[in-house]
Amino acid sequence: MEMPDHTDQEMSTRAMLLLGGGGTLVVTAILGLSLLFGIGGKASQAGQSQPAETIAVPAAANTGQSAPATPGDGLQAGSPTVPALVGVDSMTATTRLAGRRLSVAAVIRVPSALAPGQVVRTYPPAGASVPAGGQVTLYVSGTAGGTRVAVPYLIGVSAEQARSIAAQYGLRLVILRGTTTVSAQTPNPGAVVVRGSAVLVTLR
């Protein structure tokens, strides 16, 4: 009776085990590579920088500064300027101011080498911008000579101011009606009259 040949069976079993183990290794390698590339791809994508979001910022907010203020300190465009009056007589100075719709705040007599009655300086100074109806103080040398004066610009000032200014020119103020500020006057500003004449004003 022949004994079964176990050698061939053992070889077949070993071959199957080798093949099975090799297949397992191949599958494991494929899975490992898949995982490796998958993680690498995600890491690569994660490593890429995303484009920054563009935000529009207004210029004023970006600088943190407010818009510059309008120059002129509240003066309207075309505001009159104080003319150069130094060296001219007070009557001429008054006429020039009236022509620019500027009133005389006061006439102050000061010692000076200039001839009596001539303007030594003004406040505000020549070239300064003032609103229409603004006031200018005249500093005049000595005492004003002559019997004729120019009527000052009185529109826009109070009754008390108008009376004081008229008195400095040797003029009398007559109020026709009203209680607040001068809205009209006769004679017109700049008119030359005899000292002591009356100036008629209408108040608002």
N, C-alpha and C. Protein backbone atom coordinates (compact mmCIF):
# COMPACT_ATOMS: atom_id res chain seq x y z
N MET A 1 0.86 -1.19 0.00
CA MET A 1 0.00 0.00 0.00
C MET A 1 0.89 1.23 0.00
N GLU A 2 0.58 2.18 -1.03
CA GLU A 2 1.48 3.34 -1.16
C GLU A 2 1.08 4.43 -0.18
N MET A 3 2.05 5.07 0.39
CA MET A 3 1.82 6.20 1.32
C MET A 3 1.54 7.46 0.52
N PRO A 4 0.59 8.29 0.96
CA PRO A 4 0.31 9.55 0.23
C PRO A 4 1.52 10.48 0.26
N ASP A 5 1.70 11.12 -0.88
CA ASP A 5 2.87 12.01 -1.02
C ASP A 5 2.50 13.36 -0.42
N HIS A 6 3.01 13.62 0.75
CA HIS A 6 2.71 14.90 1.42
C HIS A 6 3.60 16.02 0.95
N THR A 7 4.65 15.69 0.20
CA THR A 7 5.60 16.73 -0.25
C THR A 7 4.93 17.70 -1.20
N ASP A 8 4.16 17.15 -2.15
CA ASP A 8 3.48 18.03 -3.12
C ASP A 8 2.45 18.90 -2.42
N GLN A 9 1.73 18.33 -1.46
CA GLN A 9 0.73 19.13 -0.73
C GLN A 9 1.39 20.25 0.05
N GLU A 10 2.51 19.94 0.68
CA GLU A 10 3.19 20.97 1.46
C GLU A 10 3.69 22.08 0.56
N MET A 11 4.19 21.69 -0.64
CA MET A 11 4.67 22.71 -1.57
C MET A 11 3.52 23.58 -2.05
N SER A 12 2.38 22.93 -2.33
CA SER A 12 1.22 23.71 -2.79
C SER A 12 0.76 24.67 -1.71
N THR A 13 0.74 24.19 -0.46
CA THR A 13 0.31 25.06 0.66
C THR A 13 1.25 26.25 0.82
N ARG A 14 2.57 25.95 0.73
CA ARG A 14 3.55 27.05 0.86
C ARG A 14 3.39 28.06 -0.27
N ALA A 15 3.13 27.56 -1.47
CA ALA A 15 2.97 28.48 -2.61
C ALA A 15 1.76 29.37 -2.39
N MET A 16 0.67 28.75 -1.89
CA MET A 16 -0.53 29.54 -1.65
C MET A 16 -0.29 30.59 -0.58
N LEU A 17 0.43 30.19 0.46
CA LEU A 17 0.72 31.15 1.53
C LEU A 17 1.58 32.30 1.02
N LEU A 18 2.58 31.93 0.19
CA LEU A 18 3.45 32.98 -0.37
C LEU A 18 2.66 33.93 -1.25
N LEU A 19 1.79 33.31 -2.09
CA LEU A 19 0.99 34.17 -2.97
C LEU A 19 0.03 35.05 -2.16
N GLY A 20 -0.56 34.40 -1.16
CA GLY A 20 -1.48 35.21 -0.32
C GLY A 20 -0.77 36.31 0.41
N GLY A 21 0.40 35.98 0.95
CA GLY A 21 1.17 37.03 1.65
C GLY A 21 1.62 38.11 0.72
N GLY A 22 2.05 37.70 -0.51
CA GLY A 22 2.47 38.73 -1.49
C GLY A 22 1.33 39.63 -1.87
N GLY A 23 0.13 39.00 -2.06
CA GLY A 23 -1.03 39.83 -2.40
C GLY A 23 -1.35 40.81 -1.29
N THR A 24 -1.23 40.30 -0.05
CA THR A 24 -1.51 41.19 1.09
C THR A 24 -0.54 42.36 1.12
N LEU A 25 0.74 42.02 0.84
CA LEU A 25 1.74 43.09 0.80
C LEU A 25 1.44 44.11 -0.28
N VAL A 26 1.03 43.61 -1.45
CA VAL A 26 0.71 44.53 -2.55
C VAL A 26 -0.45 45.43 -2.18
N VAL A 27 -1.52 44.81 -1.62
CA VAL A 27 -2.69 45.60 -1.23
C VAL A 27 -2.32 46.65 -0.18
N THR A 28 -1.50 46.18 0.79
CA THR A 28 -1.06 47.10 1.85
C THR A 28 -0.26 48.26 1.29
N ALA A 29 0.63 47.93 0.32
CA ALA A 29 1.45 48.98 -0.31
C ALA A 29 0.58 49.98 -1.04
N ILE A 30 -0.43 49.45 -1.77
CA ILE A 30 -1.31 50.36 -2.54
C ILE A 30 -2.07 51.27 -1.60
N LEU A 31 -2.62 50.68 -0.51
CA LEU A 31 -3.35 51.50 0.47
C LEU A 31 -2.45 52.54 1.11
N GLY A 32 -1.21 52.12 1.41
CA GLY A 32 -0.27 53.07 2.01
C GLY A 32 0.04 54.23 1.10
N LEU A 33 0.27 53.90 -0.18
CA LEU A 33 0.56 54.98 -1.14
C LEU A 33 -0.64 55.89 -1.31
N SER A 34 -1.84 55.28 -1.35
CA SER A 34 -3.05 56.11 -1.51
C SER A 34 -3.20 57.07 -0.34
N LEU A 35 -3.01 56.53 0.86
CA LEU A 35 -3.10 57.39 2.04
C LEU A 35 -2.03 58.48 2.03
N LEU A 36 -0.82 58.08 1.61
CA LEU A 36 0.29 59.03 1.59
C LEU A 36 0.02 60.18 0.64
N PHE A 37 -0.41 59.84 -0.59
CA PHE A 37 -0.68 60.90 -1.58
C PHE A 37 -1.90 61.72 -1.20
N GLY A 38 -2.90 61.05 -0.60
CA GLY A 38 -4.09 61.79 -0.19
C GLY A 38 -3.77 62.82 0.86
N ILE A 39 -3.00 62.40 1.88
CA ILE A 39 -2.60 63.35 2.94
C ILE A 39 -1.70 64.42 2.39
N GLY A 40 -0.76 64.02 1.51
CA GLY A 40 0.15 65.01 0.92
C GLY A 40 -0.59 66.04 0.11
N GLY A 41 -1.63 65.57 -0.64
CA GLY A 41 -2.39 66.51 -1.46
C GLY A 41 -3.14 67.52 -0.61
N LYS A 42 -3.75 66.96 0.49
CA LYS A 42 -4.45 67.88 1.38
C LYS A 42 -3.51 68.85 2.04
N ALA A 43 -2.32 68.36 2.45
CA ALA A 43 -1.33 69.26 3.07
C ALA A 43 -0.88 70.31 2.09
N SER A 44 -0.72 69.87 0.81
CA SER A 44 -0.28 70.84 -0.21
C SER A 44 -1.33 71.91 -0.42
N GLN A 45 -2.63 71.44 -0.45
CA GLN A 45 -3.69 72.42 -0.62
C GLN A 45 -3.78 73.35 0.59
N ALA A 46 -3.61 72.72 1.78
CA ALA A 46 -3.67 73.56 2.98
C ALA A 46 -2.54 74.55 3.03
N GLY A 47 -1.39 74.18 2.47
CA GLY A 47 -0.23 75.06 2.51
C GLY A 47 -0.32 76.22 1.56
N GLN A 48 -1.24 76.11 0.55
CA GLN A 48 -1.36 77.20 -0.41
C GLN A 48 -2.09 78.37 0.24
N SER A 49 -1.58 79.59 0.06
CA SER A 49 -2.20 80.78 0.66
C SER A 49 -3.44 81.15 -0.12
N GLN A 50 -4.48 81.48 0.57
CA GLN A 50 -5.72 81.91 -0.06
C GLN A 50 -5.60 83.39 -0.42
N PRO A 51 -6.20 83.81 -1.53
CA PRO A 51 -6.13 85.23 -1.90
C PRO A 51 -6.82 86.09 -0.86
N ALA A 52 -6.15 87.20 -0.50
CA ALA A 52 -6.69 88.10 0.53
C ALA A 52 -7.92 88.80 -0.01
N GLU A 53 -8.90 88.99 0.87
CA GLU A 53 -10.12 89.68 0.49
C GLU A 53 -9.84 91.17 0.40
N THR A 54 -10.23 91.78 -0.72
CA THR A 54 -10.01 93.22 -0.91
C THR A 54 -11.18 93.98 -0.34
N ILE A 55 -10.91 94.94 0.56
CA ILE A 55 -11.93 95.75 1.20
C ILE A 55 -11.73 97.19 0.78
N ALA A 56 -12.77 97.77 0.22
CA ALA A 56 -12.68 99.17 -0.19
C ALA A 56 -12.85 100.05 1.03
N VAL A 57 -11.89 100.90 1.28
CA VAL A 57 -11.91 101.81 2.44
C VAL A 57 -11.95 103.23 1.92
N PRO A 58 -12.93 104.04 2.36
CA PRO A 58 -12.96 105.45 1.92
C PRO A 58 -11.68 106.15 2.31
N ALA A 59 -11.32 107.14 1.51
CA ALA A 59 -10.05 107.85 1.74
C ALA A 59 -10.00 108.48 3.11
N ALA A 60 -11.12 109.07 3.55
CA ALA A 60 -11.11 109.74 4.85
C ALA A 60 -10.92 108.74 5.97
N ALA A 61 -11.57 107.52 5.83
CA ALA A 61 -11.41 106.51 6.88
C ALA A 61 -10.02 105.93 6.86
N ASN A 62 -9.41 105.82 5.67
CA ASN A 62 -8.09 105.23 5.55
C ASN A 62 -7.03 106.09 6.20
N THR A 63 -7.16 107.38 6.07
CA THR A 63 -6.15 108.28 6.63
C THR A 63 -6.42 108.62 8.08
N GLY A 64 -7.69 108.46 8.49
CA GLY A 64 -8.02 108.80 9.86
C GLY A 64 -8.07 110.29 10.10
N GLN A 65 -8.13 111.05 9.01
CA GLN A 65 -8.17 112.50 9.15
C GLN A 65 -9.45 113.01 8.56
N SER A 66 -9.97 114.07 9.13
CA SER A 66 -11.17 114.69 8.61
C SER A 66 -10.80 115.61 7.46
N ALA A 67 -11.80 115.90 6.63
CA ALA A 67 -11.54 116.77 5.50
C ALA A 67 -11.14 118.15 5.99
N PRO A 68 -10.21 118.77 5.30
CA PRO A 68 -9.78 120.08 5.75
C PRO A 68 -10.91 121.07 5.77
N ALA A 69 -10.78 121.97 6.69
CA ALA A 69 -11.77 122.99 6.78
C ALA A 69 -11.65 123.97 5.68
N THR A 70 -12.83 124.53 5.34
CA THR A 70 -12.82 125.51 4.27
C THR A 70 -12.09 126.75 4.70
N PRO A 71 -11.10 127.22 3.91
CA PRO A 71 -10.36 128.41 4.30
C PRO A 71 -11.23 129.65 4.27
N GLY A 72 -10.84 130.65 5.03
CA GLY A 72 -11.55 131.91 5.02
C GLY A 72 -12.23 132.21 6.34
N ASP A 73 -12.29 131.22 7.29
CA ASP A 73 -12.87 131.42 8.61
C ASP A 73 -14.28 131.99 8.53
N GLY A 74 -15.09 131.43 7.66
CA GLY A 74 -16.48 131.84 7.57
C GLY A 74 -16.71 133.02 6.65
N LEU A 75 -15.68 133.62 6.05
CA LEU A 75 -15.86 134.74 5.14
C LEU A 75 -16.41 134.24 3.83
N GLN A 76 -17.35 134.96 3.27
CA GLN A 76 -17.90 134.60 1.98
C GLN A 76 -16.92 134.95 0.87
N ALA A 77 -17.06 134.20 -0.25
CA ALA A 77 -16.20 134.46 -1.39
C ALA A 77 -16.41 135.90 -1.85
N GLY A 78 -15.34 136.59 -2.14
CA GLY A 78 -15.43 137.98 -2.60
C GLY A 78 -15.60 138.98 -1.47
N SER A 79 -15.28 138.58 -0.24
CA SER A 79 -15.37 139.52 0.88
C SER A 79 -14.42 140.69 0.64
N PRO A 80 -14.82 141.91 1.01
CA PRO A 80 -13.94 143.07 0.78
C PRO A 80 -12.69 143.02 1.64
N THR A 81 -11.66 143.69 1.17
CA THR A 81 -10.42 143.80 1.93
C THR A 81 -10.22 145.27 2.32
N VAL A 82 -9.49 145.46 3.39
CA VAL A 82 -9.22 146.82 3.87
C VAL A 82 -8.23 147.48 2.91
N PRO A 83 -8.58 148.64 2.36
CA PRO A 83 -7.65 149.31 1.44
C PRO A 83 -6.47 149.93 2.18
N ALA A 84 -5.43 150.27 1.43
CA ALA A 84 -4.28 150.96 2.01
C ALA A 84 -4.66 152.42 2.23
N LEU A 85 -4.67 152.85 3.48
CA LEU A 85 -5.16 154.19 3.81
C LEU A 85 -4.11 155.05 4.49
N VAL A 86 -2.97 154.48 4.83
CA VAL A 86 -1.95 155.25 5.54
C VAL A 86 -1.47 156.42 4.66
N GLY A 87 -1.49 157.63 5.24
CA GLY A 87 -1.01 158.80 4.52
C GLY A 87 -2.10 159.61 3.86
N VAL A 88 -3.30 159.04 3.75
CA VAL A 88 -4.40 159.81 3.16
C VAL A 88 -5.18 160.49 4.28
N ASP A 89 -5.94 161.52 3.93
CA ASP A 89 -6.71 162.22 4.96
C ASP A 89 -7.92 161.39 5.37
N SER A 90 -8.46 161.67 6.52
CA SER A 90 -9.54 160.86 7.07
C SER A 90 -10.79 160.89 6.19
N MET A 91 -11.04 162.00 5.51
CA MET A 91 -12.21 162.08 4.65
C MET A 91 -12.07 161.13 3.46
N THR A 92 -10.88 161.12 2.85
CA THR A 92 -10.65 160.19 1.74
C THR A 92 -10.72 158.75 2.21
N ALA A 93 -10.15 158.49 3.39
CA ALA A 93 -10.18 157.14 3.94
C ALA A 93 -11.61 156.68 4.17
N THR A 94 -12.44 157.56 4.69
CA THR A 94 -13.84 157.21 4.94
C THR A 94 -14.57 156.91 3.63
N THR A 95 -14.29 157.71 2.60
CA THR A 95 -14.93 157.50 1.30
C THR A 95 -14.51 156.15 0.70
N ARG A 96 -13.25 155.83 0.80
CA ARG A 96 -12.77 154.56 0.25
C ARG A 96 -13.38 153.36 0.98
N LEU A 97 -13.48 153.47 2.30
CA LEU A 97 -14.10 152.39 3.07
C LEU A 97 -15.57 152.23 2.70
N ALA A 98 -16.26 153.36 2.55
CA ALA A 98 -17.68 153.30 2.19
C ALA A 98 -17.87 152.64 0.82
N GLY A 99 -16.91 152.90 -0.09
CA GLY A 99 -16.99 152.28 -1.41
C GLY A 99 -16.85 150.76 -1.36
N ARG A 100 -16.29 150.25 -0.31
CA ARG A 100 -16.14 148.79 -0.14
C ARG A 100 -17.15 148.24 0.87
N ARG A 101 -18.15 149.03 1.20
CA ARG A 101 -19.19 148.64 2.16
C ARG A 101 -18.60 148.31 3.53
N LEU A 102 -17.64 149.09 3.94
CA LEU A 102 -17.02 148.95 5.25
C LEU A 102 -17.31 150.19 6.08
N SER A 103 -17.58 150.00 7.36
CA SER A 103 -17.88 151.12 8.24
C SER A 103 -16.68 151.45 9.11
N VAL A 104 -16.70 152.64 9.67
CA VAL A 104 -15.64 153.10 10.55
C VAL A 104 -16.03 152.79 11.99
N ALA A 105 -15.23 151.99 12.67
CA ALA A 105 -15.53 151.65 14.06
C ALA A 105 -15.24 152.84 14.97
N ALA A 106 -14.13 153.52 14.69
CA ALA A 106 -13.74 154.67 15.52
C ALA A 106 -12.65 155.44 14.81
N VAL A 107 -12.55 156.71 15.14
CA VAL A 107 -11.45 157.54 14.66
C VAL A 107 -10.66 157.97 15.90
N ILE A 108 -9.45 157.50 15.99
CA ILE A 108 -8.64 157.74 17.18
C ILE A 108 -7.49 158.68 16.81
N ARG A 109 -7.39 159.79 17.53
CA ARG A 109 -6.32 160.76 17.28
C ARG A 109 -5.06 160.32 18.02
N VAL A 110 -3.96 160.29 17.29
CA VAL A 110 -2.68 159.85 17.89
C VAL A 110 -1.58 160.81 17.47
N PRO A 111 -0.54 160.98 18.30
CA PRO A 111 0.60 161.81 17.89
C PRO A 111 1.31 161.19 16.69
N SER A 112 1.71 162.02 15.74
CA SER A 112 2.38 161.50 14.55
C SER A 112 3.10 162.64 13.84
N ALA A 113 4.12 162.24 13.06
CA ALA A 113 4.84 163.22 12.24
C ALA A 113 4.08 163.58 10.98
N LEU A 114 3.02 162.81 10.67
CA LEU A 114 2.20 163.10 9.49
C LEU A 114 1.39 164.37 9.72
N ALA A 115 0.93 164.94 8.63
CA ALA A 115 0.11 166.15 8.73
C ALA A 115 -1.19 165.84 9.47
N PRO A 116 -1.71 166.81 10.18
CA PRO A 116 -2.96 166.57 10.93
C PRO A 116 -4.08 166.06 10.02
N GLY A 117 -4.79 165.05 10.52
CA GLY A 117 -5.93 164.52 9.78
C GLY A 117 -5.59 163.35 8.88
N GLN A 118 -4.30 163.02 8.76
CA GLN A 118 -3.93 161.89 7.90
C GLN A 118 -3.93 160.58 8.70
N VAL A 119 -4.24 159.50 7.99
CA VAL A 119 -4.32 158.18 8.63
C VAL A 119 -2.92 157.67 8.91
N VAL A 120 -2.67 157.29 10.16
CA VAL A 120 -1.38 156.74 10.57
C VAL A 120 -1.37 155.23 10.40
N ARG A 121 -2.47 154.58 10.80
CA ARG A 121 -2.61 153.13 10.63
C ARG A 121 -4.09 152.78 10.76
N THR A 122 -4.40 151.53 10.42
CA THR A 122 -5.79 151.06 10.52
C THR A 122 -5.80 149.71 11.23
N TYR A 123 -6.96 149.40 11.77
CA TYR A 123 -7.16 148.06 12.32
C TYR A 123 -8.56 147.59 11.92
N PRO A 124 -8.65 146.46 11.22
CA PRO A 124 -7.59 145.57 10.70
C PRO A 124 -6.67 146.29 9.72
N PRO A 125 -5.47 145.75 9.50
CA PRO A 125 -4.52 146.41 8.61
C PRO A 125 -4.92 146.27 7.14
N ALA A 126 -4.24 147.01 6.29
CA ALA A 126 -4.52 146.96 4.86
C ALA A 126 -4.33 145.54 4.33
N GLY A 127 -5.27 145.12 3.47
CA GLY A 127 -5.19 143.79 2.86
C GLY A 127 -5.96 142.73 3.61
N ALA A 128 -6.38 143.01 4.84
CA ALA A 128 -7.13 142.02 5.62
C ALA A 128 -8.54 141.87 5.05
N SER A 129 -9.03 140.64 5.00
CA SER A 129 -10.38 140.37 4.52
C SER A 129 -11.37 140.49 5.68
N VAL A 130 -12.45 141.20 5.43
CA VAL A 130 -13.49 141.37 6.44
C VAL A 130 -14.85 141.19 5.76
N PRO A 131 -15.86 140.77 6.49
CA PRO A 131 -17.18 140.62 5.87
C PRO A 131 -17.76 141.96 5.48
N ALA A 132 -18.64 141.97 4.49
CA ALA A 132 -19.30 143.21 4.08
C ALA A 132 -20.00 143.83 5.28
N GLY A 133 -19.83 145.11 5.48
CA GLY A 133 -20.39 145.78 6.65
C GLY A 133 -19.47 145.75 7.85
N GLY A 134 -18.28 145.14 7.70
CA GLY A 134 -17.33 145.09 8.80
C GLY A 134 -16.79 146.47 9.15
N GLN A 135 -16.17 146.55 10.31
CA GLN A 135 -15.71 147.84 10.80
C GLN A 135 -14.20 147.95 10.80
N VAL A 136 -13.73 149.16 10.54
CA VAL A 136 -12.29 149.46 10.51
C VAL A 136 -12.03 150.67 11.40
N THR A 137 -11.06 150.55 12.27
CA THR A 137 -10.67 151.67 13.13
C THR A 137 -9.58 152.49 12.46
N LEU A 138 -9.77 153.78 12.41
CA LEU A 138 -8.78 154.69 11.82
C LEU A 138 -8.00 155.38 12.93
N TYR A 139 -6.68 155.30 12.83
CA TYR A 139 -5.80 156.05 13.74
C TYR A 139 -5.29 157.25 12.94
N VAL A 140 -5.70 158.44 13.36
CA VAL A 140 -5.46 159.65 12.58
C VAL A 140 -4.51 160.57 13.34
N SER A 141 -3.65 161.25 12.57
CA SER A 141 -2.66 162.15 13.17
C SER A 141 -3.32 163.44 13.65
N GLY A 142 -3.06 163.80 14.92
CA GLY A 142 -3.51 165.09 15.46
C GLY A 142 -5.01 165.29 15.35
N THR A 143 -5.38 166.50 15.01
CA THR A 143 -6.79 166.86 14.87
C THR A 143 -7.11 167.03 13.40
N ALA A 144 -8.31 166.63 13.03
CA ALA A 144 -8.72 166.74 11.63
C ALA A 144 -9.01 168.20 11.31
N GLY A 145 -8.45 168.66 10.22
CA GLY A 145 -8.68 170.05 9.84
C GLY A 145 -9.79 170.15 8.81
N GLY A 146 -10.24 171.36 8.57
CA GLY A 146 -11.26 171.59 7.55
C GLY A 146 -12.65 171.50 8.13
N THR A 147 -13.59 171.96 7.36
CA THR A 147 -14.99 171.99 7.79
C THR A 147 -15.84 170.95 7.08
N ARG A 148 -15.27 170.22 6.16
CA ARG A 148 -16.04 169.23 5.40
C ARG A 148 -15.54 167.82 5.75
N VAL A 149 -16.48 166.90 5.84
CA VAL A 149 -16.15 165.51 6.17
C VAL A 149 -16.92 164.57 5.24
N ALA A 150 -16.42 163.37 5.17
CA ALA A 150 -17.12 162.33 4.39
C ALA A 150 -18.02 161.54 5.32
N VAL A 151 -19.24 161.27 4.88
CA VAL A 151 -20.20 160.52 5.70
C VAL A 151 -19.74 159.06 5.80
N PRO A 152 -19.60 158.55 7.01
CA PRO A 152 -19.15 157.17 7.17
C PRO A 152 -20.25 156.17 6.80
N TYR A 153 -19.84 154.93 6.58
CA TYR A 153 -20.77 153.84 6.28
C TYR A 153 -21.35 153.35 7.60
N LEU A 154 -22.65 153.46 7.76
CA LEU A 154 -23.31 153.14 9.02
C LEU A 154 -24.24 151.94 8.94
N ILE A 155 -24.49 151.44 7.76
CA ILE A 155 -25.46 150.34 7.60
C ILE A 155 -24.96 149.08 8.29
N GLY A 156 -25.84 148.50 9.09
CA GLY A 156 -25.50 147.25 9.77
C GLY A 156 -25.07 147.42 11.21
N VAL A 157 -24.77 148.66 11.63
CA VAL A 157 -24.35 148.88 13.02
C VAL A 157 -25.56 149.25 13.86
N SER A 158 -25.41 149.15 15.16
CA SER A 158 -26.52 149.48 16.06
C SER A 158 -26.70 151.00 16.13
N ALA A 159 -27.81 151.41 16.72
CA ALA A 159 -28.08 152.84 16.85
C ALA A 159 -27.01 153.53 17.70
N GLU A 160 -26.59 152.87 18.77
CA GLU A 160 -25.56 153.45 19.64
C GLU A 160 -24.23 153.60 18.90
N GLN A 161 -23.85 152.58 18.14
CA GLN A 161 -22.61 152.65 17.38
C GLN A 161 -22.69 153.74 16.31
N ALA A 162 -23.82 153.83 15.62
CA ALA A 162 -23.99 154.84 14.58
C ALA A 162 -23.88 156.25 15.17
N ARG A 163 -24.48 156.44 16.33
CA ARG A 163 -24.43 157.75 16.97
C ARG A 163 -22.99 158.10 17.37
N SER A 164 -22.25 157.11 17.90
CA SER A 164 -20.87 157.36 18.31
C SER A 164 -19.98 157.67 17.11
N ILE A 165 -20.14 156.91 16.03
CA ILE A 165 -19.32 157.13 14.83
C ILE A 165 -19.62 158.50 14.23
N ALA A 166 -20.89 158.85 14.13
CA ALA A 166 -21.26 160.15 13.57
C ALA A 166 -20.67 161.29 14.39
N ALA A 167 -20.68 161.14 15.70
CA ALA A 167 -20.12 162.18 16.57
C ALA A 167 -18.64 162.37 16.34
N GLN A 168 -17.92 161.27 16.05
CA GLN A 168 -16.48 161.39 15.82
C GLN A 168 -16.17 162.18 14.55
N TYR A 169 -17.13 162.24 13.64
CA TYR A 169 -16.96 163.02 12.42
C TYR A 169 -17.60 164.40 12.54
N GLY A 170 -18.10 164.70 13.72
CA GLY A 170 -18.76 165.99 13.90
C GLY A 170 -20.12 166.03 13.26
N LEU A 171 -20.79 164.90 13.11
CA LEU A 171 -22.11 164.81 12.47
C LEU A 171 -23.16 164.45 13.51
N ARG A 172 -24.39 164.85 13.23
CA ARG A 172 -25.50 164.52 14.11
C ARG A 172 -26.29 163.35 13.50
N LEU A 173 -26.69 162.44 14.37
CA LEU A 173 -27.47 161.29 13.91
C LEU A 173 -28.94 161.51 14.23
N VAL A 174 -29.78 161.34 13.23
CA VAL A 174 -31.22 161.46 13.40
C VAL A 174 -31.86 160.13 13.02
N ILE A 175 -32.54 159.51 13.99
CA ILE A 175 -33.18 158.22 13.74
C ILE A 175 -34.63 158.47 13.32
N LEU A 176 -34.97 157.99 12.12
CA LEU A 176 -36.32 158.19 11.60
C LEU A 176 -37.30 157.18 12.19
N ARG A 177 -36.90 155.91 12.21
CA ARG A 177 -37.76 154.87 12.78
C ARG A 177 -36.93 153.60 12.99
N GLY A 178 -37.51 152.68 13.74
CA GLY A 178 -36.82 151.42 14.00
C GLY A 178 -36.10 151.42 15.34
N THR A 179 -35.58 150.22 15.72
CA THR A 179 -34.96 150.12 17.04
C THR A 179 -33.65 149.34 17.07
N THR A 180 -33.32 148.58 16.01
CA THR A 180 -32.15 147.70 16.12
C THR A 180 -30.95 148.22 15.35
N THR A 181 -30.74 147.76 14.12
CA THR A 181 -29.55 148.17 13.35
C THR A 181 -29.92 149.03 12.15
N VAL A 182 -28.95 149.78 11.67
CA VAL A 182 -29.19 150.72 10.56
C VAL A 182 -29.39 149.92 9.27
N SER A 183 -30.49 150.20 8.58
CA SER A 183 -30.77 149.55 7.29
C SER A 183 -30.67 150.52 6.12
N ALA A 184 -30.73 151.81 6.38
CA ALA A 184 -30.60 152.82 5.31
C ALA A 184 -30.13 154.12 5.94
N GLN A 185 -29.44 154.94 5.13
CA GLN A 185 -28.95 156.22 5.63
C GLN A 185 -28.95 157.26 4.52
N THR A 186 -29.09 158.53 4.94
CA THR A 186 -29.03 159.67 4.04
C THR A 186 -28.29 160.79 4.76
N PRO A 187 -27.25 161.39 4.13
CA PRO A 187 -26.68 161.12 2.81
C PRO A 187 -26.04 159.73 2.70
N ASN A 188 -25.76 159.33 1.48
CA ASN A 188 -25.14 158.03 1.24
C ASN A 188 -23.72 157.98 1.81
N PRO A 189 -23.24 156.80 2.15
CA PRO A 189 -21.86 156.68 2.63
C PRO A 189 -20.87 157.24 1.61
N GLY A 190 -19.90 158.00 2.12
CA GLY A 190 -18.89 158.59 1.24
C GLY A 190 -19.20 159.99 0.77
N ALA A 191 -20.44 160.41 0.94
CA ALA A 191 -20.82 161.76 0.51
C ALA A 191 -20.09 162.79 1.39
N VAL A 192 -19.65 163.89 0.78
CA VAL A 192 -18.93 164.94 1.50
C VAL A 192 -19.94 166.00 1.94
N VAL A 193 -19.95 166.27 3.24
CA VAL A 193 -20.90 167.23 3.80
C VAL A 193 -20.15 168.16 4.74
N VAL A 194 -20.81 169.19 5.14
CA VAL A 194 -20.24 170.15 6.09
C VAL A 194 -20.30 169.55 7.49
N ARG A 195 -19.24 169.73 8.23
CA ARG A 195 -19.21 169.23 9.60
C ARG A 195 -20.37 169.83 10.38
N GLY A 196 -21.05 168.98 11.15
CA GLY A 196 -22.21 169.43 11.91
C GLY A 196 -23.52 169.06 11.22
N SER A 197 -23.43 168.52 9.99
CA SER A 197 -24.66 168.13 9.27
C SER A 197 -25.31 166.93 9.93
N ALA A 198 -26.58 166.71 9.60
CA ALA A 198 -27.33 165.59 10.15
C ALA A 198 -27.28 164.42 9.16
N VAL A 199 -27.21 163.22 9.74
CA VAL A 199 -27.29 161.99 8.96
C VAL A 199 -28.58 161.28 9.40
N LEU A 200 -29.47 161.08 8.44
CA LEU A 200 -30.76 160.44 8.73
C LEU A 200 -30.63 158.93 8.52
N VAL A 201 -31.05 158.16 9.51
CA VAL A 201 -30.94 156.71 9.40
C VAL A 201 -32.29 156.06 9.71
N THR A 202 -32.49 154.91 9.07
CA THR A 202 -33.65 154.06 9.34
C THR A 202 -33.14 152.77 9.95
N LEU A 203 -33.75 152.38 11.07
CA LEU A 203 -33.35 151.16 11.76
C LEU A 203 -34.34 150.04 11.46
N ARG A 204 -33.86 148.83 11.57
CA ARG A 204 -34.74 147.67 11.39
C ARG A 204 -35.67 147.54 12.58
